[in-house]
Amino acid sequence: MNSKNKLVLATIATSTLVPSTAFAQEAAASGGGSSAAAAIGASLAIGLAVIGGGLGQGKAAAAALEGISRNPGAAPRIQTPMILGLALIESLVLFGFLIAFLLQGKV
């Protein structure tokens, strides 16, 4: 592994593990074990939803812009499905947010 991959892996591990230990300490103080799991699940749900949605929207927009740049006459036929696809991706992110919100209510 090169140093860039190690840095990315360390950043992901740190951002994933540090908030979950903070939630676990708070739950341990209150005496509830299942609330810690719900807090960890909520943080992972919204984190993965945002990461996946951002990557999906970026790839969709890049592909649409590449298609429009190759054939500018097809812009209206490309733009409409792209906007529909972006709306569906965003709805999945909002669904992840809803799950995180419901899990946070269990804490």
N, C-alpha and C. Protein backbone atom coordinates (compact mmCIF):
# COMPACT_ATOMS: atom_id res chain seq x y z
N MET A 1 0.84 -1.18 0.00
CA MET A 1 0.00 0.00 0.00
C MET A 1 0.88 1.24 0.00
N ASN A 2 0.51 2.18 -0.83
CA ASN A 2 1.27 3.42 -0.83
C ASN A 2 0.78 4.33 0.29
N SER A 3 1.47 5.42 0.48
CA SER A 3 1.17 6.30 1.61
C SER A 3 -0.20 6.98 1.46
N LYS A 4 -0.63 7.24 0.23
CA LYS A 4 -1.94 7.88 0.04
C LYS A 4 -3.06 6.94 0.47
N ASN A 5 -2.96 5.67 0.11
CA ASN A 5 -3.97 4.70 0.51
C ASN A 5 -3.99 4.52 2.02
N LYS A 6 -2.83 4.53 2.64
CA LYS A 6 -2.76 4.41 4.09
C LYS A 6 -3.40 5.61 4.77
N LEU A 7 -3.19 6.79 4.21
CA LEU A 7 -3.78 8.00 4.78
C LEU A 7 -5.31 7.96 4.65
N VAL A 8 -5.81 7.52 3.51
CA VAL A 8 -7.25 7.43 3.32
C VAL A 8 -7.84 6.40 4.28
N LEU A 9 -7.20 5.26 4.42
CA LEU A 9 -7.67 4.22 5.32
C LEU A 9 -7.66 4.70 6.77
N ALA A 10 -6.62 5.40 7.17
CA ALA A 10 -6.55 5.93 8.54
C ALA A 10 -7.62 6.98 8.78
N THR A 11 -7.89 7.81 7.79
CA THR A 11 -8.93 8.83 7.93
C THR A 11 -10.31 8.20 8.07
N ILE A 12 -10.59 7.20 7.26
CA ILE A 12 -11.89 6.52 7.34
C ILE A 12 -12.03 5.81 8.68
N ALA A 13 -10.98 5.13 9.12
CA ALA A 13 -11.04 4.43 10.40
C ALA A 13 -11.24 5.40 11.55
N THR A 14 -10.55 6.52 11.52
CA THR A 14 -10.68 7.50 12.60
C THR A 14 -12.07 8.12 12.61
N SER A 15 -12.57 8.49 11.46
CA SER A 15 -13.89 9.13 11.41
C SER A 15 -15.00 8.15 11.76
N THR A 16 -14.77 6.87 11.57
CA THR A 16 -15.78 5.87 11.91
C THR A 16 -15.73 5.49 13.39
N LEU A 17 -14.54 5.34 13.92
CA LEU A 17 -14.41 4.82 15.28
C LEU A 17 -14.54 5.87 16.37
N VAL A 18 -14.10 7.08 16.12
CA VAL A 18 -14.12 8.10 17.18
C VAL A 18 -15.54 8.46 17.59
N PRO A 19 -16.49 8.76 16.67
CA PRO A 19 -17.84 9.08 17.12
C PRO A 19 -18.53 7.90 17.80
N SER A 20 -18.28 6.68 17.32
CA SER A 20 -18.95 5.54 17.92
C SER A 20 -18.49 5.30 19.35
N THR A 21 -17.23 5.54 19.66
CA THR A 21 -16.78 5.38 21.04
C THR A 21 -17.37 6.47 21.92
N ALA A 22 -17.57 7.65 21.39
CA ALA A 22 -18.19 8.71 22.18
C ALA A 22 -19.63 8.35 22.50
N PHE A 23 -20.36 7.79 21.53
CA PHE A 23 -21.72 7.36 21.80
C PHE A 23 -21.74 6.22 22.80
N ALA A 24 -20.79 5.30 22.70
CA ALA A 24 -20.75 4.16 23.60
C ALA A 24 -20.47 4.61 25.03
N GLN A 25 -19.61 5.59 25.23
CA GLN A 25 -19.33 6.07 26.57
C GLN A 25 -20.56 6.72 27.18
N GLU A 26 -21.29 7.46 26.38
CA GLU A 26 -22.50 8.12 26.89
C GLU A 26 -23.54 7.08 27.28
N ALA A 27 -23.67 6.03 26.49
CA ALA A 27 -24.65 4.99 26.80
C ALA A 27 -24.23 4.19 28.02
N ALA A 28 -22.94 3.97 28.19
CA ALA A 28 -22.46 3.22 29.34
C ALA A 28 -22.74 3.99 30.62
N ALA A 29 -22.67 5.29 30.56
CA ALA A 29 -22.94 6.10 31.74
C ALA A 29 -24.41 6.05 32.11
N SER A 30 -25.30 5.94 31.11
CA SER A 30 -26.72 5.88 31.41
C SER A 30 -27.19 4.48 31.76
N GLY A 31 -26.35 3.47 31.48
CA GLY A 31 -26.69 2.11 31.85
C GLY A 31 -27.40 1.33 30.77
N GLY A 32 -27.59 1.87 29.58
CA GLY A 32 -28.28 1.16 28.51
C GLY A 32 -27.31 0.67 27.46
N GLY A 33 -27.38 -0.62 27.12
CA GLY A 33 -26.49 -1.17 26.12
C GLY A 33 -27.04 -1.07 24.72
N SER A 34 -28.37 -1.20 24.57
CA SER A 34 -28.97 -1.18 23.24
C SER A 34 -28.99 0.23 22.66
N SER A 35 -28.98 1.25 23.52
CA SER A 35 -28.98 2.61 23.00
C SER A 35 -27.65 2.94 22.34
N ALA A 36 -26.57 2.33 22.81
CA ALA A 36 -25.28 2.55 22.17
C ALA A 36 -25.27 1.95 20.78
N ALA A 37 -25.85 0.78 20.63
CA ALA A 37 -25.92 0.15 19.31
C ALA A 37 -26.80 0.98 18.37
N ALA A 38 -27.88 1.54 18.90
CA ALA A 38 -28.74 2.38 18.06
C ALA A 38 -28.02 3.64 17.63
N ALA A 39 -27.23 4.23 18.52
CA ALA A 39 -26.48 5.43 18.17
C ALA A 39 -25.42 5.12 17.12
N ILE A 40 -24.75 4.01 17.26
CA ILE A 40 -23.74 3.61 16.26
C ILE A 40 -24.42 3.33 14.93
N GLY A 41 -25.56 2.65 14.97
CA GLY A 41 -26.30 2.37 13.74
C GLY A 41 -26.78 3.64 13.06
N ALA A 42 -27.23 4.60 13.85
CA ALA A 42 -27.69 5.87 13.28
C ALA A 42 -26.55 6.63 12.63
N SER A 43 -25.39 6.66 13.29
CA SER A 43 -24.26 7.38 12.71
C SER A 43 -23.76 6.69 11.44
N LEU A 44 -23.75 5.37 11.42
CA LEU A 44 -23.33 4.66 10.22
C LEU A 44 -24.35 4.81 9.09
N ALA A 45 -25.64 4.80 9.45
CA ALA A 45 -26.68 4.92 8.42
C ALA A 45 -26.59 6.24 7.68
N ILE A 46 -26.48 7.34 8.42
CA ILE A 46 -26.44 8.64 7.73
C ILE A 46 -25.10 8.83 7.03
N GLY A 47 -24.02 8.34 7.62
CA GLY A 47 -22.71 8.47 6.98
C GLY A 47 -22.63 7.73 5.67
N LEU A 48 -23.07 6.48 5.66
CA LEU A 48 -23.03 5.69 4.43
C LEU A 48 -24.00 6.23 3.38
N ALA A 49 -25.15 6.73 3.83
CA ALA A 49 -26.11 7.29 2.88
C ALA A 49 -25.54 8.52 2.19
N VAL A 50 -24.90 9.38 2.96
CA VAL A 50 -24.35 10.61 2.37
C VAL A 50 -23.18 10.28 1.44
N ILE A 51 -22.30 9.38 1.87
CA ILE A 51 -21.16 9.01 1.02
C ILE A 51 -21.64 8.36 -0.28
N GLY A 52 -22.55 7.40 -0.17
CA GLY A 52 -23.06 6.73 -1.36
C GLY A 52 -23.83 7.66 -2.28
N GLY A 53 -24.65 8.53 -1.68
CA GLY A 53 -25.40 9.49 -2.50
C GLY A 53 -24.51 10.48 -3.20
N GLY A 54 -23.49 10.96 -2.50
CA GLY A 54 -22.56 11.90 -3.11
C GLY A 54 -21.79 11.28 -4.26
N LEU A 55 -21.32 10.05 -4.07
CA LEU A 55 -20.61 9.37 -5.15
C LEU A 55 -21.53 9.07 -6.33
N GLY A 56 -22.76 8.65 -6.03
CA GLY A 56 -23.71 8.35 -7.11
C GLY A 56 -24.09 9.58 -7.90
N GLN A 57 -24.35 10.68 -7.21
CA GLN A 57 -24.71 11.90 -7.92
C GLN A 57 -23.53 12.44 -8.71
N GLY A 58 -22.35 12.32 -8.19
CA GLY A 58 -21.17 12.77 -8.92
C GLY A 58 -20.96 11.98 -10.20
N LYS A 59 -21.11 10.65 -10.11
CA LYS A 59 -20.94 9.82 -11.31
C LYS A 59 -22.04 10.09 -12.33
N ALA A 60 -23.28 10.28 -11.86
CA ALA A 60 -24.39 10.54 -12.78
C ALA A 60 -24.20 11.87 -13.49
N ALA A 61 -23.81 12.90 -12.75
CA ALA A 61 -23.61 14.21 -13.36
C ALA A 61 -22.42 14.18 -14.33
N ALA A 62 -21.36 13.48 -13.96
CA ALA A 62 -20.20 13.40 -14.85
C ALA A 62 -20.54 12.69 -16.15
N ALA A 63 -21.28 11.60 -16.05
CA ALA A 63 -21.66 10.86 -17.26
C ALA A 63 -22.59 11.70 -18.14
N ALA A 64 -23.53 12.41 -17.51
CA ALA A 64 -24.44 13.25 -18.30
C ALA A 64 -23.70 14.39 -18.98
N LEU A 65 -22.80 15.03 -18.25
CA LEU A 65 -22.04 16.13 -18.86
C LEU A 65 -21.13 15.63 -19.98
N GLU A 66 -20.58 14.44 -19.81
CA GLU A 66 -19.75 13.89 -20.87
C GLU A 66 -20.60 13.59 -22.12
N GLY A 67 -21.79 13.04 -21.89
CA GLY A 67 -22.68 12.77 -23.01
C GLY A 67 -23.13 14.03 -23.72
N ILE A 68 -23.42 15.07 -22.95
CA ILE A 68 -23.84 16.35 -23.55
C ILE A 68 -22.68 16.99 -24.30
N SER A 69 -21.47 16.87 -23.76
CA SER A 69 -20.33 17.48 -24.45
C SER A 69 -19.99 16.75 -25.74
N ARG A 70 -20.27 15.46 -25.79
CA ARG A 70 -20.02 14.71 -27.03
C ARG A 70 -21.10 14.96 -28.09
N ASN A 71 -22.32 15.20 -27.63
CA ASN A 71 -23.42 15.44 -28.56
C ASN A 71 -24.33 16.52 -27.97
N PRO A 72 -24.01 17.79 -28.22
CA PRO A 72 -24.81 18.88 -27.63
C PRO A 72 -26.27 18.88 -28.07
N GLY A 73 -26.57 18.31 -29.20
CA GLY A 73 -27.95 18.27 -29.68
C GLY A 73 -28.83 17.35 -28.83
N ALA A 74 -28.24 16.43 -28.12
CA ALA A 74 -29.00 15.48 -27.31
C ALA A 74 -29.16 15.95 -25.87
N ALA A 75 -28.81 17.20 -25.59
CA ALA A 75 -28.85 17.71 -24.21
C ALA A 75 -30.22 17.57 -23.56
N PRO A 76 -31.33 17.93 -24.23
CA PRO A 76 -32.63 17.77 -23.56
C PRO A 76 -32.98 16.31 -23.26
N ARG A 77 -32.56 15.40 -24.15
CA ARG A 77 -32.86 13.98 -23.92
C ARG A 77 -31.97 13.38 -22.84
N ILE A 78 -30.85 13.99 -22.55
CA ILE A 78 -29.96 13.50 -21.51
C ILE A 78 -30.28 14.16 -20.16
N GLN A 79 -30.63 15.44 -20.22
CA GLN A 79 -30.81 16.20 -18.98
C GLN A 79 -32.02 15.72 -18.17
N THR A 80 -33.11 15.39 -18.82
CA THR A 80 -34.32 14.98 -18.10
C THR A 80 -34.11 13.68 -17.33
N PRO A 81 -33.58 12.61 -17.93
CA PRO A 81 -33.33 11.40 -17.13
C PRO A 81 -32.27 11.61 -16.05
N MET A 82 -31.31 12.51 -16.32
CA MET A 82 -30.29 12.79 -15.30
C MET A 82 -30.93 13.41 -14.07
N ILE A 83 -31.82 14.39 -14.27
CA ILE A 83 -32.48 15.04 -13.14
C ILE A 83 -33.36 14.04 -12.39
N LEU A 84 -34.04 13.16 -13.11
CA LEU A 84 -34.84 12.13 -12.46
C LEU A 84 -33.96 11.18 -11.65
N GLY A 85 -32.84 10.79 -12.21
CA GLY A 85 -31.91 9.92 -11.49
C GLY A 85 -31.34 10.58 -10.26
N LEU A 86 -31.00 11.87 -10.36
CA LEU A 86 -30.48 12.59 -9.20
C LEU A 86 -31.53 12.70 -8.11
N ALA A 87 -32.79 12.89 -8.49
CA ALA A 87 -33.87 12.96 -7.50
C ALA A 87 -34.06 11.62 -6.80
N LEU A 88 -33.95 10.52 -7.54
CA LEU A 88 -34.08 9.20 -6.93
C LEU A 88 -32.90 8.91 -5.99
N ILE A 89 -31.71 9.31 -6.38
CA ILE A 89 -30.55 9.13 -5.50
C ILE A 89 -30.74 9.94 -4.22
N GLU A 90 -31.22 11.16 -4.37
CA GLU A 90 -31.44 12.01 -3.20
C GLU A 90 -32.52 11.43 -2.30
N SER A 91 -33.52 10.78 -2.87
CA SER A 91 -34.55 10.16 -2.04
C SER A 91 -33.98 9.02 -1.21
N LEU A 92 -33.02 8.29 -1.76
CA LEU A 92 -32.37 7.24 -0.98
C LEU A 92 -31.56 7.82 0.17
N VAL A 93 -30.92 8.95 -0.06
CA VAL A 93 -30.17 9.61 1.02
C VAL A 93 -31.14 10.07 2.10
N LEU A 94 -32.27 10.63 1.71
CA LEU A 94 -33.27 11.04 2.70
C LEU A 94 -33.85 9.85 3.45
N PHE A 95 -33.97 8.71 2.78
CA PHE A 95 -34.42 7.49 3.45
C PHE A 95 -33.40 7.06 4.50
N GLY A 96 -32.11 7.15 4.18
CA GLY A 96 -31.06 6.86 5.16
C GLY A 96 -31.12 7.82 6.33
N PHE A 97 -31.40 9.09 6.05
CA PHE A 97 -31.55 10.08 7.12
C PHE A 97 -32.74 9.74 8.00
N LEU A 98 -33.84 9.28 7.40
CA LEU A 98 -35.02 8.90 8.17
C LEU A 98 -34.70 7.72 9.09
N ILE A 99 -33.99 6.74 8.58
CA ILE A 99 -33.60 5.60 9.41
C ILE A 99 -32.72 6.05 10.55
N ALA A 100 -31.76 6.92 10.27
CA ALA A 100 -30.89 7.44 11.33
C ALA A 100 -31.70 8.20 12.36
N PHE A 101 -32.67 8.98 11.92
CA PHE A 101 -33.51 9.75 12.84
C PHE A 101 -34.33 8.82 13.72
N LEU A 102 -34.89 7.75 13.13
CA LEU A 102 -35.67 6.81 13.92
C LEU A 102 -34.79 6.04 14.90
N LEU A 103 -33.60 5.68 14.48
CA LEU A 103 -32.68 4.99 15.40
C LEU A 103 -32.22 5.93 16.52
N GLN A 104 -32.06 7.20 16.21
CA GLN A 104 -31.63 8.17 17.22
C GLN A 104 -32.72 8.35 18.26
N GLY A 105 -33.98 8.14 17.90
CA GLY A 105 -35.07 8.23 18.85
C GLY A 105 -35.03 7.13 19.90
N LYS A 106 -34.33 6.03 19.61
CA LYS A 106 -34.21 4.94 20.57
C LYS A 106 -33.16 5.20 21.63
N VAL A 107 -32.32 6.21 21.39
CA VAL A 107 -31.22 6.48 22.32
C VAL A 107 -31.73 7.13 23.58
